[in-house]
Amino acid sequence: MAEQHRARLKLFFGASPGVGKTYSMLEAARRAKQDGQGVVVGIIETHGRAETAALLDGLDGLPRRLEELDLEAALTRKPDLILVDELAHTNAPGSRRRKRHQDVTDLLDAGINVIGAVNIQHLESLNDLVERVTGVVVRETIPDAFIKQADQIVNIDLAIEDLLERLESGKVYAPEKVGGALENFFKQPNLATLRELALREVAESLERGTTGQPRPREASALVSERGRVMVCMSSYPPHATALLRRGSRTAGRLNTDWFVVYVETPKEAADRIDAEAQRHLLSNIDLARELGAEVVRIKGTDPVHTILDFARSHGVGDIIIGRSHQPWWRQILGRSVPLRLVREANGIDLHIVSMQDGEHKGP
């Protein structure tokens, strides 16, 4: 039986709205159609941009369902290639999938090649950093693990001056929205930071060599030699999401696997922590899995010994932990988990993330 070819995912990546991702997607679609491929527009958001809308002429498109991508129609039609815009978008209630990137995963699993687009500020692991730098809370995010499965990432780069000129001339947003955009998200320092983050993300994707194929044995051996990343998580909820995002970024830069380890001590047994802490814990476990971590829950009486035993048996080279929330006198006596790890984690790099960096504190 002939082996079915894996569907391919190509992403157009940008630092902000208006750099030309959707325009570039449509140009790529038109080239694919000229080459004889069966191309369908799944969902494209033109935002009233006439130049972008003009490129839709001559391309087949699917009718929308609930103003969203009609996933069932796309799976039934099964084209060679489908275009799906704004992948971090949350679908309307009643849709088959909650998020648009999950629609794309279904399309890929069905053997349909996809071209999509996403902005850097929607990357889940950068959520806290983007908010801190720009002052803008980004509600729609996309898991890093989804980005990492792309076969090709194309960065659509545009000089800040050119982007602002496009904005002011009404080529990004309607005229009545331009003033607010310039006063908020489209400030020059914000755009410079986002552009740098986008360039760095694409460079790291090239280093990862994201082919979409399973990791070969040689690569697995290299990971073991270099060391995996491990994030320590407790049931103490404040700022845990930022700690997980830090772990995801660190693992991405090192091109290695990572774990999120939760040590369930007798005091933190499921029947002893309150309902709110349990809810936060489960939510953080879900986020860790979305970010691509392997989540491990271990029962142990001594969290430090349990953490180090796991780290040494699983080839961990870097441990990330938040600064202790315990009283100062316990820390002076050396009884906090981070201080004990400093003393006992021989041969392992320990990263203690401070509250002062604006991100979080941890166990």
Protein backbone atom coordinates (compact mmCIF):
# COMPACT_ATOMS: atom_id res chain seq x y z
CA MET A 1 0.00 0.00 0.00
CA ALA A 2 1.48 3.38 -1.01
CA GLU A 3 2.35 5.64 1.89
CA GLN A 4 0.21 8.79 2.03
CA HIS A 5 2.17 12.01 1.78
CA ARG A 6 1.98 14.22 4.85
CA ALA A 7 0.11 17.47 4.33
CA ARG A 8 2.29 20.56 4.54
CA LEU A 9 1.80 23.74 6.55
CA LYS A 10 3.23 27.03 5.35
CA LEU A 11 2.93 30.08 7.61
CA PHE A 12 3.28 33.74 6.72
CA PHE A 13 4.59 35.44 9.82
CA GLY A 14 4.59 39.15 10.65
CA ALA A 15 5.41 41.66 13.34
CA SER A 16 2.01 43.41 13.19
CA PRO A 17 -1.15 43.88 11.16
CA GLY A 18 -0.59 45.59 7.84
CA VAL A 19 2.82 44.19 6.88
CA GLY A 20 1.33 42.19 4.00
CA LYS A 21 0.83 38.62 5.23
CA THR A 22 -2.60 38.10 3.68
CA TYR A 23 -1.51 39.78 0.45
CA SER A 24 1.49 37.42 0.27
CA MET A 25 -0.74 34.41 0.99
CA LEU A 26 -2.99 35.29 -1.92
CA GLU A 27 -0.03 35.81 -4.25
CA ALA A 28 1.24 32.35 -3.28
CA ALA A 29 -2.20 30.88 -3.90
CA ARG A 30 -2.40 32.40 -7.36
CA ARG A 31 1.02 30.96 -8.23
CA ALA A 32 -0.07 27.53 -6.98
CA LYS A 33 -3.21 27.71 -9.11
CA GLN A 34 -1.12 28.60 -12.18
CA ASP A 35 0.97 25.51 -11.45
CA GLY A 36 -2.15 23.37 -11.71
CA GLN A 37 -2.96 22.84 -8.03
CA GLY A 38 -6.53 22.80 -6.78
CA VAL A 39 -6.62 25.90 -4.57
CA VAL A 40 -9.49 27.00 -2.33
CA VAL A 41 -9.80 30.09 -0.16
CA GLY A 42 -11.02 28.76 3.20
CA ILE A 43 -11.22 32.11 4.98
CA ILE A 44 -9.47 35.40 4.25
CA GLU A 45 -9.84 38.65 6.18
CA THR A 46 -9.22 41.62 3.85
CA HIS A 47 -10.19 44.24 6.47
CA GLY A 48 -11.42 46.40 3.64
CA ARG A 49 -8.02 46.61 1.93
CA ALA A 50 -8.75 47.01 -1.77
CA GLU A 51 -5.35 45.75 -2.94
CA THR A 52 -5.81 42.54 -0.96
CA ALA A 53 -9.42 42.03 -2.03
CA ALA A 54 -8.41 42.36 -5.70
CA LEU A 55 -6.23 39.25 -5.40
CA LEU A 56 -9.30 37.15 -4.54
CA ASP A 57 -10.56 37.52 -8.11
CA GLY A 58 -10.32 34.20 -9.93
CA LEU A 59 -9.82 32.11 -6.76
CA ASP A 60 -12.44 29.61 -5.60
CA GLY A 61 -13.74 30.25 -2.11
CA LEU A 62 -15.83 28.37 0.42
CA PRO A 63 -18.99 30.01 1.80
CA ARG A 64 -18.62 30.85 5.48
CA ARG A 65 -20.47 29.02 8.22
CA LEU A 66 -21.40 31.16 11.26
CA GLU A 67 -19.03 33.71 9.71
CA GLU A 68 -16.21 31.19 10.20
CA LEU A 69 -14.29 28.69 8.10
CA ASP A 70 -16.68 25.92 7.05
CA LEU A 71 -14.47 23.05 8.17
CA GLU A 72 -16.88 20.31 7.10
CA ALA A 73 -17.16 21.76 3.59
CA ALA A 74 -13.37 21.99 3.33
CA LEU A 75 -12.91 18.38 4.43
CA THR A 76 -15.57 17.21 1.98
CA ARG A 77 -14.08 19.12 -0.94
CA LYS A 78 -10.50 18.18 0.00
CA PRO A 79 -8.54 20.56 -2.27
CA ASP A 80 -4.80 20.32 -2.82
CA LEU A 81 -4.30 23.59 -0.96
CA ILE A 82 -6.46 25.78 1.27
CA LEU A 83 -5.89 29.30 2.62
CA VAL A 84 -6.72 30.05 6.26
CA ASP A 85 -6.10 33.53 7.64
CA GLU A 86 -5.69 34.80 11.25
CA LEU A 87 -4.96 31.47 12.89
CA ALA A 88 -5.15 32.73 16.49
CA HIS A 89 -8.84 33.56 16.03
CA THR A 90 -11.48 32.05 18.35
CA ASN A 91 -14.38 30.52 16.43
CA ALA A 92 -18.01 31.43 17.00
CA PRO A 93 -20.06 29.28 19.40
CA GLY A 94 -21.45 26.27 17.57
CA SER A 95 -18.31 25.72 15.50
CA ARG A 96 -16.77 22.26 15.39
CA ARG A 97 -13.51 23.55 16.89
CA ARG A 98 -12.95 26.31 19.42
CA LYS A 99 -9.89 27.84 17.70
CA ARG A 100 -9.09 28.34 14.05
CA HIS A 101 -5.65 26.76 14.37
CA GLN A 102 -7.44 23.59 15.50
CA ASP A 103 -9.40 23.67 12.23
CA VAL A 104 -6.06 23.75 10.45
CA THR A 105 -4.84 20.71 12.39
CA ASP A 106 -7.92 18.80 11.19
CA LEU A 107 -7.23 19.87 7.60
CA LEU A 108 -3.61 18.71 7.83
CA ASP A 109 -4.67 15.39 9.34
CA ALA A 110 -6.99 14.94 6.36
CA GLY A 111 -4.08 15.38 3.95
CA ILE A 112 -4.91 18.95 2.87
CA ASN A 113 -2.00 21.39 2.51
CA VAL A 114 -2.55 24.70 4.28
CA ILE A 115 -1.21 28.22 3.92
CA GLY A 116 -1.91 30.37 6.99
CA ALA A 117 -0.95 33.65 8.60
CA VAL A 118 -0.21 34.79 12.14
CA ASN A 119 1.33 37.79 13.92
CA ILE A 120 4.12 37.50 16.47
CA GLN A 121 2.04 39.06 19.27
CA HIS A 122 -0.33 36.07 19.14
CA LEU A 123 2.36 33.54 20.06
CA GLU A 124 1.34 32.10 23.44
CA SER A 125 4.80 32.04 25.01
CA LEU A 126 5.28 35.76 24.27
CA ASN A 127 1.96 36.87 25.74
CA ASP A 128 3.40 38.39 28.93
CA LEU A 129 6.35 39.98 27.16
CA VAL A 130 4.14 41.63 24.54
CA GLU A 131 1.85 43.03 27.23
CA ARG A 132 4.79 44.36 29.23
CA VAL A 133 6.49 45.99 26.24
CA THR A 134 3.47 47.37 24.38
CA GLY A 135 0.91 47.78 27.16
CA VAL A 136 -1.56 45.88 24.95
CA VAL A 137 -3.31 42.78 26.30
CA VAL A 138 -3.49 40.20 23.50
CA ARG A 139 -6.45 37.92 24.17
CA GLU A 140 -6.16 35.66 21.10
CA THR A 141 -3.13 33.34 21.22
CA ILE A 142 -1.79 30.34 19.35
CA PRO A 143 0.29 27.54 20.96
CA ASP A 144 4.00 27.44 20.21
CA ALA A 145 3.64 23.73 19.46
CA PHE A 146 1.41 24.58 16.50
CA ILE A 147 3.96 27.00 15.06
CA LYS A 148 6.73 24.42 15.45
CA GLN A 149 4.93 21.90 13.23
CA ALA A 150 5.08 24.28 10.24
CA ASP A 151 7.11 23.01 7.29
CA GLN A 152 7.94 26.55 6.22
CA ILE A 153 7.73 29.93 7.95
CA VAL A 154 8.00 33.03 5.78
CA ASN A 155 8.64 36.30 7.58
CA ILE A 156 6.88 39.23 5.91
CA ASP A 157 9.11 42.06 7.01
CA LEU A 158 8.31 45.72 6.42
CA ALA A 159 10.29 48.74 7.57
CA ILE A 160 8.57 50.62 10.40
CA GLU A 161 8.47 53.83 8.39
CA ASP A 162 6.78 52.06 5.49
CA LEU A 163 4.25 50.40 7.81
CA LEU A 164 3.34 53.72 9.43
CA GLU A 165 2.98 55.30 6.00
CA ARG A 166 0.58 52.51 5.00
CA LEU A 167 -1.36 53.02 8.24
CA GLU A 168 -1.66 56.78 7.82
CA SER A 169 -2.78 56.43 4.21
CA GLY A 170 -5.67 54.16 5.21
CA LYS A 171 -4.21 50.93 3.81
CA VAL A 172 -4.26 49.08 7.15
CA TYR A 173 -7.34 50.32 9.00
CA ALA A 174 -10.30 52.53 8.21
CA PRO A 175 -9.47 56.27 8.60
CA GLU A 176 -11.42 56.63 11.85
CA LYS A 177 -9.25 53.93 13.50
CA VAL A 178 -5.85 55.33 12.48
CA GLY A 179 -5.48 57.87 15.31
CA GLY A 180 -6.15 55.34 18.05
CA ALA A 181 -3.81 52.81 16.46
CA LEU A 182 -0.96 55.35 16.33
CA GLU A 183 -1.47 56.23 20.00
CA ASN A 184 -1.49 52.61 21.16
CA PHE A 185 -0.25 49.51 19.38
CA PHE A 186 1.47 51.27 16.47
CA LYS A 187 3.93 53.32 18.50
CA GLN A 188 7.41 53.15 16.98
CA PRO A 189 9.08 51.49 20.03
CA ASN A 190 6.35 48.81 20.06
CA LEU A 191 6.78 48.08 16.36
CA ALA A 192 10.57 47.91 16.69
CA THR A 193 10.32 45.35 19.51
CA LEU A 194 7.72 43.25 17.70
CA ARG A 195 9.76 43.30 14.52
CA GLU A 196 12.82 42.08 16.41
CA LEU A 197 10.78 39.30 18.04
CA ALA A 198 9.40 38.20 14.66
CA LEU A 199 12.85 38.08 13.07
CA ARG A 200 14.19 36.11 16.03
CA GLU A 201 11.32 33.62 15.93
CA VAL A 202 11.83 32.92 12.24
CA ALA A 203 15.59 32.54 12.77
CA GLU A 204 14.95 30.05 15.57
CA SER A 205 12.51 28.13 13.37
CA LEU A 206 15.27 27.76 10.79
CA GLU A 207 17.67 26.49 13.47
CA ARG A 208 15.08 23.97 14.64
CA GLY A 209 14.91 22.66 11.09
CA THR A 210 11.16 22.19 11.34
CA THR A 211 10.53 19.61 8.66
CA GLY A 212 7.41 18.27 10.27
CA GLN A 213 8.99 14.80 10.35
CA PRO A 214 9.58 12.80 13.52
CA ARG A 215 12.84 13.57 15.28
CA PRO A 216 15.55 11.15 14.08
CA ARG A 217 17.50 9.06 16.58
CA GLU A 218 20.61 11.15 16.04
CA ALA A 219 18.73 14.29 17.03
CA SER A 220 17.28 12.58 20.09
CA ALA A 221 20.81 11.66 21.15
CA LEU A 222 21.92 15.26 20.77
CA VAL A 223 19.03 16.41 22.95
CA SER A 224 20.10 13.99 25.65
CA GLU A 225 23.69 15.27 25.53
CA ARG A 226 22.70 18.93 25.57
CA GLY A 227 20.06 18.49 28.26
CA ARG A 228 16.34 19.01 28.38
CA VAL A 229 14.52 21.89 30.08
CA MET A 230 12.38 21.40 33.15
CA VAL A 231 9.91 23.86 34.71
CA CYS A 232 8.94 23.28 38.33
CA MET A 233 5.30 24.03 39.09
CA SER A 234 3.40 24.00 42.34
CA SER A 235 -0.26 24.46 43.19
CA TYR A 236 0.55 28.07 44.11
CA PRO A 237 -1.18 29.81 41.20
CA PRO A 238 0.00 33.46 40.82
CA HIS A 239 2.05 34.11 37.67
CA ALA A 240 2.47 30.41 36.83
CA THR A 241 1.48 31.09 33.22
CA ALA A 242 4.46 33.42 32.77
CA LEU A 243 6.76 30.75 34.21
CA LEU A 244 5.46 28.24 31.67
CA ARG A 245 5.96 30.71 28.82
CA ARG A 246 9.55 31.26 29.96
CA GLY A 247 10.12 27.51 29.85
CA SER A 248 8.66 27.26 26.36
CA ARG A 249 10.89 30.04 25.04
CA THR A 250 13.99 28.55 26.69
CA ALA A 251 13.31 25.11 25.22
CA GLY A 252 12.69 26.69 21.82
CA ARG A 253 15.98 28.59 21.88
CA LEU A 254 17.86 25.45 22.90
CA ASN A 255 15.94 23.34 20.37
CA THR A 256 15.22 20.71 23.00
CA ASP A 257 12.35 18.92 24.70
CA TRP A 258 10.95 20.19 27.98
CA PHE A 259 9.05 18.98 30.99
CA VAL A 260 6.69 20.61 33.45
CA VAL A 261 6.97 18.76 36.74
CA TYR A 262 4.46 19.11 39.57
CA VAL A 263 5.45 17.47 42.83
CA GLU A 264 2.40 16.53 44.83
CA THR A 265 3.49 16.57 48.46
CA PRO A 266 1.19 15.26 51.22
CA LYS A 267 0.17 18.90 51.88
CA GLU A 268 -0.78 19.33 48.21
CA ALA A 269 -2.81 16.15 47.75
CA ALA A 270 -5.90 16.62 45.61
CA ASP A 271 -8.18 16.32 48.63
CA ARG A 272 -6.21 18.92 50.66
CA ILE A 273 -5.83 21.91 48.33
CA ASP A 274 -8.83 24.18 47.87
CA ALA A 275 -11.04 24.18 44.79
CA GLU A 276 -9.59 27.43 43.41
CA ALA A 277 -6.00 26.17 43.63
CA GLN A 278 -7.08 22.91 41.98
CA ARG A 279 -8.74 24.83 39.15
CA HIS A 280 -5.63 26.98 38.58
CA LEU A 281 -3.42 23.89 38.65
CA LEU A 282 -5.49 22.08 36.02
CA SER A 283 -5.61 25.21 33.85
CA ASN A 284 -1.82 25.57 34.02
CA ILE A 285 -1.36 21.89 33.14
CA ASP A 286 -3.53 22.41 30.05
CA LEU A 287 -1.48 25.49 29.08
CA ALA A 288 1.78 23.58 29.51
CA ARG A 289 0.58 20.89 27.13
CA GLU A 290 -0.54 23.54 24.63
CA LEU A 291 2.95 25.02 24.77
CA GLY A 292 4.44 21.63 23.92
CA ALA A 293 5.62 20.41 27.32
CA GLU A 294 5.39 16.90 28.68
CA VAL A 295 3.58 17.29 32.01
CA VAL A 296 4.58 14.96 34.83
CA ARG A 297 2.87 14.72 38.23
CA ILE A 298 4.95 12.97 40.88
CA LYS A 299 4.09 12.21 44.48
CA GLY A 300 6.90 12.92 46.94
CA THR A 301 7.47 14.06 50.49
CA ASP A 302 10.54 16.17 49.67
CA PRO A 303 10.03 18.34 46.55
CA VAL A 304 13.75 19.08 46.12
CA HIS A 305 14.85 15.44 46.14
CA THR A 306 11.93 14.49 43.89
CA ILE A 307 12.75 17.26 41.40
CA LEU A 308 16.44 16.38 41.26
CA ASP A 309 15.82 12.64 40.98
CA PHE A 310 13.56 13.26 37.99
CA ALA A 311 15.96 15.74 36.40
CA ARG A 312 18.97 13.42 36.62
CA SER A 313 17.05 10.39 35.35
CA HIS A 314 15.60 12.30 32.36
CA GLY A 315 18.65 14.16 31.08
CA VAL A 316 17.58 17.62 32.26
CA GLY A 317 20.25 20.31 31.86
CA ASP A 318 18.23 23.39 32.84
CA ILE A 319 15.72 23.79 35.67
CA ILE A 320 13.44 26.84 35.75
CA ILE A 321 11.72 27.79 38.98
CA GLY A 322 10.05 30.90 40.33
CA ARG A 323 11.33 32.86 43.30
CA SER A 324 9.91 31.57 46.57
CA HIS A 325 6.80 33.09 48.10
CA GLN A 326 7.76 31.71 51.51
CA PRO A 327 8.44 34.06 54.46
CA TRP A 328 11.89 35.65 54.59
CA TRP A 329 12.91 33.80 57.74
CA ARG A 330 12.38 30.42 56.07
CA GLN A 331 14.57 31.54 53.17
CA ILE A 332 17.31 32.74 55.52
CA LEU A 333 17.29 29.32 57.14
CA GLY A 334 17.72 27.79 53.69
CA ARG A 335 14.43 25.94 53.80
CA SER A 336 12.89 27.34 50.60
CA VAL A 337 12.85 25.10 47.53
CA PRO A 338 14.88 27.49 45.28
CA LEU A 339 17.67 27.93 47.84
CA ARG A 340 17.89 24.21 48.47
CA LEU A 341 18.10 23.60 44.72
CA VAL A 342 20.95 26.12 44.48
CA ARG A 343 22.86 24.04 47.02
CA GLU A 344 21.96 20.59 45.73
CA ALA A 345 21.52 20.84 41.92
CA ASN A 346 25.13 20.01 41.07
CA GLY A 347 25.74 19.73 37.34
CA ILE A 348 22.39 21.31 36.40
CA ASP A 349 21.88 24.97 35.43
CA LEU A 350 19.26 26.57 37.68
CA HIS A 351 17.21 29.59 36.55
CA ILE A 352 15.37 31.36 39.38
CA VAL A 353 12.94 33.82 37.85
CA SER A 354 12.32 36.92 39.92
CA MET A 355 9.17 38.97 40.39
CA GLN A 356 11.20 42.09 39.67
CA ASP A 357 11.36 41.30 35.96
CA GLY A 358 7.62 41.89 35.78
CA GLU A 359 6.78 38.35 34.91
CA HIS A 360 6.02 36.17 37.88
CA LYS A 361 6.93 34.36 40.98
CA GLY A 362 6.65 30.66 41.50
CA PRO A 363 6.92 27.91 44.11
